[in-house]
Amino acid sequence: MRDFSHLTGITIGGAAIALAVGGLAVTPAAGAASQVPARSAAGATTAYRMLPRIVPGGPMKLARGRRTRVLASRATEVASTNWAGYAATQPNRSFRYVRGTFFVPYVDCATTADSFSAHWVGLDGFDSDTVEQAGVLAACNGNTPQYAAWYEMFPQFPVYPNITIRAGDSIMVSVFYRRATGKFVIVLTDTSNGAHFARVLACPSGSTCQRASAEAISEPPTSSSTGIEPLADFRAESFSGIRVTDATGHRGTLRSRRWGTTKIVNISEGGSLLDQPTQLFQGMTFDNYWMRSS
């Protein structure tokens, strides 16, 4: 069993990650170094002590040797070693907005000790090197469930704002690209307790944020030391109310005549099914079901 008790700050790659403290006003992301607050609220646990090496929300990794399938619903299906869910894509065009609601899942740490899961909504990453996103981490520190909210402008490291989330809480995430400023507005709200954060963020230096996809995903995060981590038993994650707007202003759901829809199934490097989505209902609602940890 790995011991996280000595980790009270967060430093990755030699640079400390700046943390932003919640507030409804949208504020630019800070660049100064900060430490992760080691705190917990009654009835809630946090994952801060295990954060230094955990990176949720990287770009999708296609599984080797698996072909794309065309489904009867006019969607395609691909297998990935780190994503499960749905993505809206449109070659040579871009998206400017995605919104979705999901729950902080209950993780069963009795069966999957020292394991992790991330659940999020965002832009990019399906076939690009950046991801603009926010979500929750539901993990097992030994046999203890722990939870944290985060946002990320991949390839930058994730940031974990100091807000409390609990298993069962309803989370709403929106990511909006503001063309006038060339920046992204990322908002996460725990609609169960009112906790929230909002940030205005530029595309990472040296990267091009193509906004070529919009997605809702459950995944096993990666780590700086071991690659893809074991997937915590989150049982089921429900995504709903997913709305998408493209760069021309056309509004829809994950399914539209204006863009393609891809169902993504998560398998291990050895080919075992880890988690998979149900059929997409009305283009905006589906569940992801956990199958195994690795």
C-alpha atoms as a PDB file:
ATOM      1  CA  MET A   1       0.000   0.000   0.000  1.00  0.00           C
ATOM      2  CA  ARG A   2       1.394   3.413  -0.927  1.00  0.00           C
ATOM      3  CA  ASP A   3       1.716   5.989   1.872  1.00  0.00           C
ATOM      4  CA  PHE A   4       0.569   9.508   0.942  1.00  0.00           C
ATOM      5  CA  SER A   5       0.625  10.928   4.483  1.00  0.00           C
ATOM      6  CA  HIS A   6       3.849  12.867   4.024  1.00  0.00           C
ATOM      7  CA  LEU A   7       2.625  14.800   0.988  1.00  0.00           C
ATOM      8  CA  THR A   8       1.206  18.131   2.074  1.00  0.00           C
ATOM      9  CA  GLY A   9       2.199  20.284  -0.880  1.00  0.00           C
ATOM     10  CA  ILE A  10       2.118  19.807  -4.621  1.00  0.00           C
ATOM     11  CA  THR A  11       5.210  20.144  -6.754  1.00  0.00           C
ATOM     12  CA  ILE A  12       5.547  18.440 -10.104  1.00  0.00           C
ATOM     13  CA  GLY A  13       8.403  18.637 -12.531  1.00  0.00           C
ATOM     14  CA  GLY A  14      10.295  20.993 -10.227  1.00  0.00           C
ATOM     15  CA  ALA A  15       7.597  23.689 -10.217  1.00  0.00           C
ATOM     16  CA  ALA A  16       4.953  24.210  -7.584  1.00  0.00           C
ATOM     17  CA  ILE A  17       1.405  24.427  -8.915  1.00  0.00           C
ATOM     18  CA  ALA A  18      -0.507  27.598  -8.107  1.00  0.00           C
ATOM     19  CA  LEU A  19      -3.852  27.074  -6.398  1.00  0.00           C
ATOM     20  CA  ALA A  20      -6.835  29.378  -6.752  1.00  0.00           C
ATOM     21  CA  VAL A  21      -9.317  29.726  -3.910  1.00  0.00           C
ATOM     22  CA  GLY A  22     -13.011  29.611  -4.821  1.00  0.00           C
ATOM     23  CA  GLY A  23     -15.101  32.676  -5.549  1.00  0.00           C
ATOM     24  CA  LEU A  24     -17.908  33.330  -7.967  1.00  0.00           C
ATOM     25  CA  ALA A  25     -16.112  36.145  -9.757  1.00  0.00           C
ATOM     26  CA  VAL A  26     -14.170  34.914 -12.769  1.00  0.00           C
ATOM     27  CA  THR A  27     -10.506  35.609 -12.171  1.00  0.00           C
ATOM     28  CA  PRO A  28      -7.360  34.964 -14.194  1.00  0.00           C
ATOM     29  CA  ALA A  29      -5.330  31.973 -13.071  1.00  0.00           C
ATOM     30  CA  ALA A  30      -2.481  32.849 -10.760  1.00  0.00           C
ATOM     31  CA  GLY A  31       1.094  32.092 -11.664  1.00  0.00           C
ATOM     32  CA  ALA A  32       2.536  32.174  -8.171  1.00  0.00           C
ATOM     33  CA  ALA A  33       3.495  29.064  -6.275  1.00  0.00           C
ATOM     34  CA  SER A  34       1.266  27.789  -3.502  1.00  0.00           C
ATOM     35  CA  GLN A  35       0.769  24.772  -1.301  1.00  0.00           C
ATOM     36  CA  VAL A  36      -2.225  22.489  -1.222  1.00  0.00           C
ATOM     37  CA  PRO A  37      -4.225  23.048   1.952  1.00  0.00           C
ATOM     38  CA  ALA A  38      -4.488  19.842   3.975  1.00  0.00           C
ATOM     39  CA  ARG A  39      -8.056  20.115   5.216  1.00  0.00           C
ATOM     40  CA  SER A  40     -11.275  18.174   5.322  1.00  0.00           C
ATOM     41  CA  ALA A  41     -14.875  19.040   6.162  1.00  0.00           C
ATOM     42  CA  ALA A  42     -17.359  17.017   8.159  1.00  0.00           C
ATOM     43  CA  GLY A  43     -18.775  14.278   5.990  1.00  0.00           C
ATOM     44  CA  ALA A  44     -16.260  14.902   3.224  1.00  0.00           C
ATOM     45  CA  THR A  45     -12.785  13.694   2.437  1.00  0.00           C
ATOM     46  CA  THR A  46     -10.230  15.267   0.147  1.00  0.00           C
ATOM     47  CA  ALA A  47      -7.573  13.780  -2.089  1.00  0.00           C
ATOM     48  CA  TYR A  48      -5.028  16.561  -1.673  1.00  0.00           C
ATOM     49  CA  ARG A  49      -2.315  14.421  -0.091  1.00  0.00           C
ATOM     50  CA  MET A  50      -2.142  12.099  -3.069  1.00  0.00           C
ATOM     51  CA  LEU A  51      -2.151  14.804  -5.737  1.00  0.00           C
ATOM     52  CA  PRO A  52       1.526  15.436  -6.539  1.00  0.00           C
ATOM     53  CA  ARG A  53       1.776  12.573  -9.018  1.00  0.00           C
ATOM     54  CA  ILE A  54      -1.818  12.234 -10.286  1.00  0.00           C
ATOM     55  CA  VAL A  55      -2.708  13.807 -13.655  1.00  0.00           C
ATOM     56  CA  PRO A  56      -6.341  13.423 -14.732  1.00  0.00           C
ATOM     57  CA  GLY A  57      -7.683  14.499 -18.068  1.00  0.00           C
ATOM     58  CA  GLY A  58      -4.906  14.030 -20.623  1.00  0.00           C
ATOM     59  CA  PRO A  59      -5.624  13.518 -24.342  1.00  0.00           C
ATOM     60  CA  MET A  60      -7.281  10.291 -25.440  1.00  0.00           C
ATOM     61  CA  LYS A  61      -4.986   7.334 -26.103  1.00  0.00           C
ATOM     62  CA  LEU A  62      -6.279   4.975 -28.765  1.00  0.00           C
ATOM     63  CA  ALA A  63      -5.978   1.273 -28.029  1.00  0.00           C
ATOM     64  CA  ARG A  64      -3.616  -0.496 -30.392  1.00  0.00           C
ATOM     65  CA  GLY A  65      -5.000  -2.987 -32.841  1.00  0.00           C
ATOM     66  CA  ARG A  66      -8.645  -1.969 -32.335  1.00  0.00           C
ATOM     67  CA  ARG A  67     -10.641  -0.790 -35.336  1.00  0.00           C
ATOM     68  CA  THR A  68     -13.188   1.997 -35.384  1.00  0.00           C
ATOM     69  CA  ARG A  69     -16.749   0.660 -35.505  1.00  0.00           C
ATOM     70  CA  VAL A  70     -19.725   2.347 -37.151  1.00  0.00           C
ATOM     71  CA  LEU A  71     -22.827   2.043 -34.953  1.00  0.00           C
ATOM     72  CA  ALA A  72     -26.477   1.921 -35.980  1.00  0.00           C
ATOM     73  CA  SER A  73     -27.042   5.253 -34.218  1.00  0.00           C
ATOM     74  CA  ARG A  74     -24.831   6.992 -36.808  1.00  0.00           C
ATOM     75  CA  ALA A  75     -22.102   7.239 -34.198  1.00  0.00           C
ATOM     76  CA  THR A  76     -18.709   5.594 -34.387  1.00  0.00           C
ATOM     77  CA  GLU A  77     -17.032   3.611 -31.607  1.00  0.00           C
ATOM     78  CA  VAL A  78     -13.370   3.578 -30.664  1.00  0.00           C
ATOM     79  CA  ALA A  79     -11.410   1.837 -27.901  1.00  0.00           C
ATOM     80  CA  SER A  80      -9.124   3.881 -25.682  1.00  0.00           C
ATOM     81  CA  THR A  81      -6.747   2.984 -22.868  1.00  0.00           C
ATOM     82  CA  ASN A  82      -7.719   6.041 -20.815  1.00  0.00           C
ATOM     83  CA  TRP A  83     -11.144   7.439 -21.845  1.00  0.00           C
ATOM     84  CA  ALA A  84     -14.745   6.239 -21.673  1.00  0.00           C
ATOM     85  CA  GLY A  85     -17.711   8.360 -22.707  1.00  0.00           C
ATOM     86  CA  TYR A  86     -18.754  10.363 -25.745  1.00  0.00           C
ATOM     87  CA  ALA A  87     -17.131  13.040 -27.897  1.00  0.00           C
ATOM     88  CA  ALA A  88     -18.484  15.408 -30.534  1.00  0.00           C
ATOM     89  CA  THR A  89     -15.986  16.012 -33.336  1.00  0.00           C
ATOM     90  CA  GLN A  90     -15.908  17.884 -36.624  1.00  0.00           C
ATOM     91  CA  PRO A  91     -12.812  17.900 -38.872  1.00  0.00           C
ATOM     92  CA  ASN A  92     -11.581  21.348 -39.900  1.00  0.00           C
ATOM     93  CA  ARG A  93     -14.121  23.056 -37.637  1.00  0.00           C
ATOM     94  CA  SER A  94     -14.117  23.957 -33.969  1.00  0.00           C
ATOM     95  CA  PHE A  95     -16.311  24.195 -30.882  1.00  0.00           C
ATOM     96  CA  ARG A  96     -16.619  27.099 -28.487  1.00  0.00           C
ATOM     97  CA  TYR A  97     -18.784  25.755 -25.650  1.00  0.00           C
ATOM     98  CA  VAL A  98     -19.627  22.580 -23.779  1.00  0.00           C
ATOM     99  CA  ARG A  99     -21.653  22.083 -20.619  1.00  0.00           C
ATOM    100  CA  GLY A 100     -22.661  19.022 -18.656  1.00  0.00           C
ATOM    101  CA  THR A 101     -23.847  17.767 -15.285  1.00  0.00           C
ATOM    102  CA  PHE A 102     -22.608  14.673 -13.469  1.00  0.00           C
ATOM    103  CA  PHE A 103     -22.287  13.312  -9.939  1.00  0.00           C
ATOM    104  CA  VAL A 104     -19.363  12.771  -7.609  1.00  0.00           C
ATOM    105  CA  PRO A 105     -19.411   8.963  -7.631  1.00  0.00           C
ATOM    106  CA  TYR A 106     -19.165   6.749  -4.571  1.00  0.00           C
ATOM    107  CA  VAL A 107     -15.975   4.706  -4.877  1.00  0.00           C
ATOM    108  CA  ASP A 108     -15.760   1.194  -3.426  1.00  0.00           C
ATOM    109  CA  CYS A 109     -12.308   1.135  -1.872  1.00  0.00           C
ATOM    110  CA  ALA A 110     -12.778  -2.262  -0.253  1.00  0.00           C
ATOM    111  CA  THR A 111     -12.319  -3.890  -3.652  1.00  0.00           C
ATOM    112  CA  THR A 112     -10.000  -1.371  -5.357  1.00  0.00           C
ATOM    113  CA  ALA A 113      -7.539   0.007  -2.800  1.00  0.00           C
ATOM    114  CA  ASP A 114      -5.003   2.585  -4.026  1.00  0.00           C
ATOM    115  CA  SER A 115      -6.880   3.393  -7.218  1.00  0.00           C
ATOM    116  CA  PHE A 116      -8.202   6.474  -8.975  1.00  0.00           C
ATOM    117  CA  SER A 117     -10.955   7.753 -11.257  1.00  0.00           C
ATOM    118  CA  ALA A 118     -11.562  11.121 -12.905  1.00  0.00           C
ATOM    119  CA  HIS A 119     -14.826  12.416 -14.375  1.00  0.00           C
ATOM    120  CA  TRP A 120     -14.964  15.582 -16.432  1.00  0.00           C
ATOM    121  CA  VAL A 121     -16.367  17.739 -19.236  1.00  0.00           C
ATOM    122  CA  GLY A 122     -14.193  19.694 -21.646  1.00  0.00           C
ATOM    123  CA  LEU A 123     -12.955  20.688 -25.075  1.00  0.00           C
ATOM    124  CA  ASP A 124     -10.158  19.127 -27.150  1.00  0.00           C
ATOM    125  CA  GLY A 125      -8.122  15.989 -26.506  1.00  0.00           C
ATOM    126  CA  PHE A 126      -9.947  13.541 -28.771  1.00  0.00           C
ATOM    127  CA  ASP A 127      -7.502  14.064 -31.622  1.00  0.00           C
ATOM    128  CA  SER A 128      -5.322  16.894 -30.336  1.00  0.00           C
ATOM    129  CA  ASP A 129      -2.557  17.546 -27.825  1.00  0.00           C
ATOM    130  CA  THR A 130      -4.413  19.961 -25.538  1.00  0.00           C
ATOM    131  CA  VAL A 131      -7.451  19.584 -23.268  1.00  0.00           C
ATOM    132  CA  GLU A 132      -9.414  22.426 -21.631  1.00  0.00           C
ATOM    133  CA  GLN A 133     -11.507  20.898 -18.871  1.00  0.00           C
ATOM    134  CA  ALA A 134     -12.785  20.616 -15.304  1.00  0.00           C
ATOM    135  CA  GLY A 135     -14.027  17.718 -13.232  1.00  0.00           C
ATOM    136  CA  VAL A 136     -13.667  15.638 -10.095  1.00  0.00           C
ATOM    137  CA  LEU A 137     -11.211  13.058  -8.819  1.00  0.00           C
ATOM    138  CA  ALA A 138     -12.747  10.123  -6.912  1.00  0.00           C
ATOM    139  CA  ALA A 139      -9.964   7.975  -5.501  1.00  0.00           C
ATOM    140  CA  CYS A 140      -8.990   5.380  -2.920  1.00  0.00           C
ATOM    141  CA  ASN A 141      -6.121   6.281  -0.597  1.00  0.00           C
ATOM    142  CA  GLY A 142      -5.601   2.761   0.663  1.00  0.00           C
ATOM    143  CA  ASN A 143      -9.153   1.780   1.573  1.00  0.00           C
ATOM    144  CA  THR A 144     -10.290   5.356   2.247  1.00  0.00           C
ATOM    145  CA  PRO A 145     -12.431   7.199  -0.349  1.00  0.00           C
ATOM    146  CA  GLN A 146     -11.161  10.680  -1.163  1.00  0.00           C
ATOM    147  CA  TYR A 147     -12.535  13.358  -3.493  1.00  0.00           C
ATOM    148  CA  ALA A 148     -11.332  16.609  -5.064  1.00  0.00           C
ATOM    149  CA  ALA A 149     -12.441  19.059  -7.750  1.00  0.00           C
ATOM    150  CA  TRP A 150      -9.945  20.219 -10.356  1.00  0.00           C
ATOM    151  CA  TYR A 151      -9.426  22.045 -13.637  1.00  0.00           C
ATOM    152  CA  GLU A 152      -6.704  21.656 -16.215  1.00  0.00           C
ATOM    153  CA  MET A 153      -5.317  23.249 -19.366  1.00  0.00           C
ATOM    154  CA  PHE A 154      -3.336  20.237 -20.562  1.00  0.00           C
ATOM    155  CA  PRO A 155      -0.331  20.009 -21.117  1.00  0.00           C
ATOM    156  CA  GLN A 156      -0.175  22.188 -18.003  1.00  0.00           C
ATOM    157  CA  PHE A 157      -0.673  20.321 -14.742  1.00  0.00           C
ATOM    158  CA  PRO A 158      -4.089  20.145 -13.044  1.00  0.00           C
ATOM    159  CA  VAL A 159      -5.053  22.664 -10.375  1.00  0.00           C
ATOM    160  CA  TYR A 160      -7.132  21.620  -7.340  1.00  0.00           C
ATOM    161  CA  PRO A 161      -9.053  24.612  -5.917  1.00  0.00           C
ATOM    162  CA  ASN A 162      -9.834  24.608  -2.218  1.00  0.00           C
ATOM    163  CA  ILE A 163     -13.516  23.640  -2.319  1.00  0.00           C
ATOM    164  CA  THR A 164     -15.348  20.790  -0.614  1.00  0.00           C
ATOM    165  CA  ILE A 165     -17.131  18.124  -2.637  1.00  0.00           C
ATOM    166  CA  ARG A 166     -18.824  14.984  -1.349  1.00  0.00           C
ATOM    167  CA  ALA A 167     -19.811  11.691  -2.915  1.00  0.00           C
ATOM    168  CA  GLY A 168     -23.307  12.034  -4.345  1.00  0.00           C
ATOM    169  CA  ASP A 169     -23.027  15.772  -5.019  1.00  0.00           C
ATOM    170  CA  SER A 170     -24.244  17.079  -8.371  1.00  0.00           C
ATOM    171  CA  ILE A 171     -21.529  18.852 -10.380  1.00  0.00           C
ATOM    172  CA  MET A 172     -22.054  21.210 -13.318  1.00  0.00           C
ATOM    173  CA  VAL A 173     -19.107  22.084 -15.561  1.00  0.00           C
ATOM    174  CA  SER A 174     -18.946  24.503 -18.477  1.00  0.00           C
ATOM    175  CA  VAL A 175     -16.037  25.401 -20.745  1.00  0.00           C
ATOM    176  CA  PHE A 176     -16.459  28.444 -23.007  1.00  0.00           C
ATOM    177  CA  TYR A 177     -13.996  29.874 -25.518  1.00  0.00           C
ATOM    178  CA  ARG A 178     -14.299  33.660 -25.651  1.00  0.00           C
ATOM    179  CA  ARG A 179     -13.248  34.646 -29.148  1.00  0.00           C
ATOM    180  CA  ALA A 180     -12.860  38.342 -28.294  1.00  0.00           C
ATOM    181  CA  THR A 181     -10.106  37.603 -25.791  1.00  0.00           C
ATOM    182  CA  GLY A 182      -8.846  34.271 -27.092  1.00  0.00           C
ATOM    183  CA  LYS A 183      -9.239  32.786 -23.606  1.00  0.00           C
ATOM    184  CA  PHE A 184     -11.260  30.009 -22.013  1.00  0.00           C
ATOM    185  CA  VAL A 185     -13.762  30.479 -19.193  1.00  0.00           C
ATOM    186  CA  ILE A 186     -13.935  27.317 -17.061  1.00  0.00           C
ATOM    187  CA  VAL A 187     -16.627  27.052 -14.385  1.00  0.00           C
ATOM    188  CA  LEU A 188     -17.330  24.202 -11.956  1.00  0.00           C
ATOM    189  CA  THR A 189     -20.271  24.373  -9.546  1.00  0.00           C
ATOM    190  CA  ASP A 190     -21.285  21.872  -6.888  1.00  0.00           C
ATOM    191  CA  THR A 191     -25.033  22.461  -7.129  1.00  0.00           C
ATOM    192  CA  SER A 192     -25.597  20.386  -3.983  1.00  0.00           C
ATOM    193  CA  ASN A 193     -23.665  22.680  -1.627  1.00  0.00           C
ATOM    194  CA  GLY A 194     -23.043  25.841  -3.683  1.00  0.00           C
ATOM    195  CA  ALA A 195     -19.251  25.492  -3.792  1.00  0.00           C
ATOM    196  CA  HIS A 196     -17.807  26.705  -7.084  1.00  0.00           C
ATOM    197  CA  PHE A 197     -14.901  28.206  -8.940  1.00  0.00           C
ATOM    198  CA  ALA A 198     -14.498  30.079 -12.215  1.00  0.00           C
ATOM    199  CA  ARG A 199     -11.293  30.812 -14.085  1.00  0.00           C
ATOM    200  CA  VAL A 200     -10.230  32.664 -17.239  1.00  0.00           C
ATOM    201  CA  LEU A 201      -7.320  30.822 -18.841  1.00  0.00           C
ATOM    202  CA  ALA A 202      -5.188  31.211 -21.940  1.00  0.00           C
ATOM    203  CA  CYS A 203      -4.104  28.330 -24.122  1.00  0.00           C
ATOM    204  CA  PRO A 204      -0.793  27.034 -22.741  1.00  0.00           C
ATOM    205  CA  SER A 205       2.284  28.705 -24.174  1.00  0.00           C
ATOM    206  CA  GLY A 206       3.659  26.819 -27.153  1.00  0.00           C
ATOM    207  CA  SER A 207       0.376  24.945 -27.711  1.00  0.00           C
ATOM    208  CA  THR A 208      -2.498  25.430 -30.150  1.00  0.00           C
ATOM    209  CA  CYS A 209      -5.940  24.834 -28.655  1.00  0.00           C
ATOM    210  CA  GLN A 210      -7.838  23.680 -31.727  1.00  0.00           C
ATOM    211  CA  ARG A 211     -11.158  23.128 -29.916  1.00  0.00           C
ATOM    212  CA  ALA A 212     -11.711  20.240 -32.326  1.00  0.00           C
ATOM    213  CA  SER A 213     -13.832  18.163 -29.941  1.00  0.00           C
ATOM    214  CA  ALA A 214     -16.236  18.435 -27.015  1.00  0.00           C
ATOM    215  CA  GLU A 215     -16.571  15.513 -24.618  1.00  0.00           C
ATOM    216  CA  ALA A 216     -17.845  14.039 -21.345  1.00  0.00           C
ATOM    217  CA  ILE A 217     -15.467  11.416 -19.959  1.00  0.00           C
ATOM    218  CA  SER A 218     -14.711   8.995 -17.109  1.00  0.00           C
ATOM    219  CA  GLU A 219     -11.135   7.746 -16.971  1.00  0.00           C
ATOM    220  CA  PRO A 220      -8.257   6.250 -15.006  1.00  0.00           C
ATOM    221  CA  PRO A 221      -5.813   9.144 -14.463  1.00  0.00           C
ATOM    222  CA  THR A 222      -2.119   8.839 -15.183  1.00  0.00           C
ATOM    223  CA  SER A 223       0.730   9.379 -12.751  1.00  0.00           C
ATOM    224  CA  SER A 224       4.222  10.754 -13.063  1.00  0.00           C
ATOM    225  CA  SER A 225       5.708   7.457 -11.905  1.00  0.00           C
ATOM    226  CA  THR A 226       3.611   4.530 -13.124  1.00  0.00           C
ATOM    227  CA  GLY A 227       1.625   5.672 -16.171  1.00  0.00           C
ATOM    228  CA  ILE A 228      -2.095   4.850 -16.226  1.00  0.00           C
ATOM    229  CA  GLU A 229      -3.291   4.140 -12.678  1.00  0.00           C
ATOM    230  CA  PRO A 230      -5.724   1.370 -11.611  1.00  0.00           C
ATOM    231  CA  LEU A 231      -9.318   2.505 -12.101  1.00  0.00           C
ATOM    232  CA  ALA A 232     -11.221   2.951  -8.826  1.00  0.00           C
ATOM    233  CA  ASP A 233     -14.549   1.143  -8.623  1.00  0.00           C
ATOM    234  CA  PHE A 234     -16.922   4.072  -9.140  1.00  0.00           C
ATOM    235  CA  ARG A 235     -19.782   1.697  -9.993  1.00  0.00           C
ATOM    236  CA  ALA A 236     -21.594   4.094 -12.333  1.00  0.00           C
ATOM    237  CA  GLU A 237     -21.271   7.723 -13.371  1.00  0.00           C
ATOM    238  CA  SER A 238     -24.233   9.583 -14.892  1.00  0.00           C
ATOM    239  CA  PHE A 239     -23.770  12.463 -17.343  1.00  0.00           C
ATOM    240  CA  SER A 240     -26.776  14.574 -18.326  1.00  0.00           C
ATOM    241  CA  GLY A 241     -27.786  17.866 -19.900  1.00  0.00           C
ATOM    242  CA  ILE A 242     -24.754  17.938 -22.178  1.00  0.00           C
ATOM    243  CA  ARG A 243     -24.918  20.937 -24.509  1.00  0.00           C
ATOM    244  CA  VAL A 244     -22.487  21.840 -27.253  1.00  0.00           C
ATOM    245  CA  THR A 245     -22.025  24.965 -29.394  1.00  0.00           C
ATOM    246  CA  ASP A 246     -19.695  25.133 -32.382  1.00  0.00           C
ATOM    247  CA  ALA A 247     -17.650  28.125 -33.512  1.00  0.00           C
ATOM    248  CA  THR A 248     -20.382  29.265 -35.923  1.00  0.00           C
ATOM    249  CA  GLY A 249     -22.936  29.438 -33.106  1.00  0.00           C
ATOM    250  CA  HIS A 250     -24.858  26.266 -33.925  1.00  0.00           C
ATOM    251  CA  ARG A 251     -26.215  24.767 -30.700  1.00  0.00           C
ATOM    252  CA  GLY A 252     -26.884  21.125 -30.078  1.00  0.00           C
ATOM    253  CA  THR A 253     -25.995  18.122 -27.975  1.00  0.00           C
ATOM    254  CA  LEU A 254     -23.310  15.489 -28.416  1.00  0.00           C
ATOM    255  CA  ARG A 255     -25.321  14.331 -31.424  1.00  0.00           C
ATOM    256  CA  SER A 256     -26.029  16.703 -34.317  1.00  0.00           C
ATOM    257  CA  ARG A 257     -26.176  16.789 -38.108  1.00  0.00           C
ATOM    258  CA  ARG A 258     -23.418  19.407 -37.894  1.00  0.00           C
ATOM    259  CA  TRP A 259     -20.836  17.151 -36.244  1.00  0.00           C
ATOM    260  CA  GLY A 260     -19.927  13.542 -35.647  1.00  0.00           C
ATOM    261  CA  THR A 261     -20.466  11.552 -32.462  1.00  0.00           C
ATOM    262  CA  THR A 262     -17.982   9.013 -31.128  1.00  0.00           C
ATOM    263  CA  LYS A 263     -18.631   6.463 -28.395  1.00  0.00           C
ATOM    264  CA  ILE A 264     -15.439   5.689 -26.462  1.00  0.00           C
ATOM    265  CA  VAL A 265     -14.859   2.418 -24.599  1.00  0.00           C
ATOM    266  CA  ASN A 266     -12.012   2.153 -22.076  1.00  0.00           C
ATOM    267  CA  ILE A 267      -9.857  -0.985 -22.239  1.00  0.00           C
ATOM    268  CA  SER A 268      -6.560  -1.898 -20.613  1.00  0.00           C
ATOM    269  CA  GLU A 269      -3.296  -2.315 -22.508  1.00  0.00           C
ATOM    270  CA  GLY A 270      -3.981  -6.053 -22.334  1.00  0.00           C
ATOM    271  CA  GLY A 271      -7.438  -5.691 -23.862  1.00  0.00           C
ATOM    272  CA  SER A 272      -9.628  -6.042 -20.745  1.00  0.00           C
ATOM    273  CA  LEU A 273     -12.747  -3.876 -20.590  1.00  0.00           C
ATOM    274  CA  LEU A 274     -12.388  -1.293 -17.795  1.00  0.00           C
ATOM    275  CA  ASP A 275     -15.444   0.931 -18.207  1.00  0.00           C
ATOM    276  CA  GLN A 276     -17.946   1.680 -20.928  1.00  0.00           C
ATOM    277  CA  PRO A 277     -20.819   4.052 -21.686  1.00  0.00           C
ATOM    278  CA  THR A 278     -24.443   3.167 -22.271  1.00  0.00           C
ATOM    279  CA  GLN A 279     -26.301   4.310 -25.351  1.00  0.00           C
ATOM    280  CA  LEU A 280     -26.656   8.064 -25.727  1.00  0.00           C
ATOM    281  CA  PHE A 281     -30.192   9.237 -24.837  1.00  0.00           C
ATOM    282  CA  GLN A 282     -31.473  12.339 -26.647  1.00  0.00           C
ATOM    283  CA  GLY A 283     -27.877  13.205 -27.459  1.00  0.00           C
ATOM    284  CA  MET A 284     -27.207  14.495 -23.954  1.00  0.00           C
ATOM    285  CA  THR A 285     -27.511  11.740 -21.348  1.00  0.00           C
ATOM    286  CA  PHE A 286     -25.599   8.519 -20.684  1.00  0.00           C
ATOM    287  CA  ASP A 287     -24.011   6.464 -17.914  1.00  0.00           C
ATOM    288  CA  ASN A 288     -20.484   5.111 -17.649  1.00  0.00           C
ATOM    289  CA  TYR A 289     -20.206   1.722 -15.930  1.00  0.00           C
ATOM    290  CA  TRP A 290     -17.078   0.484 -14.145  1.00  0.00           C
ATOM    291  CA  MET A 291     -16.097  -3.092 -15.061  1.00  0.00           C
ATOM    292  CA  ARG A 292     -12.639  -3.704 -13.567  1.00  0.00           C
ATOM    293  CA  SER A 293      -9.611  -1.785 -12.285  1.00  0.00           C
ATOM    294  CA  SER A 294      -6.906  -2.897 -14.728  1.00  0.00           C
END
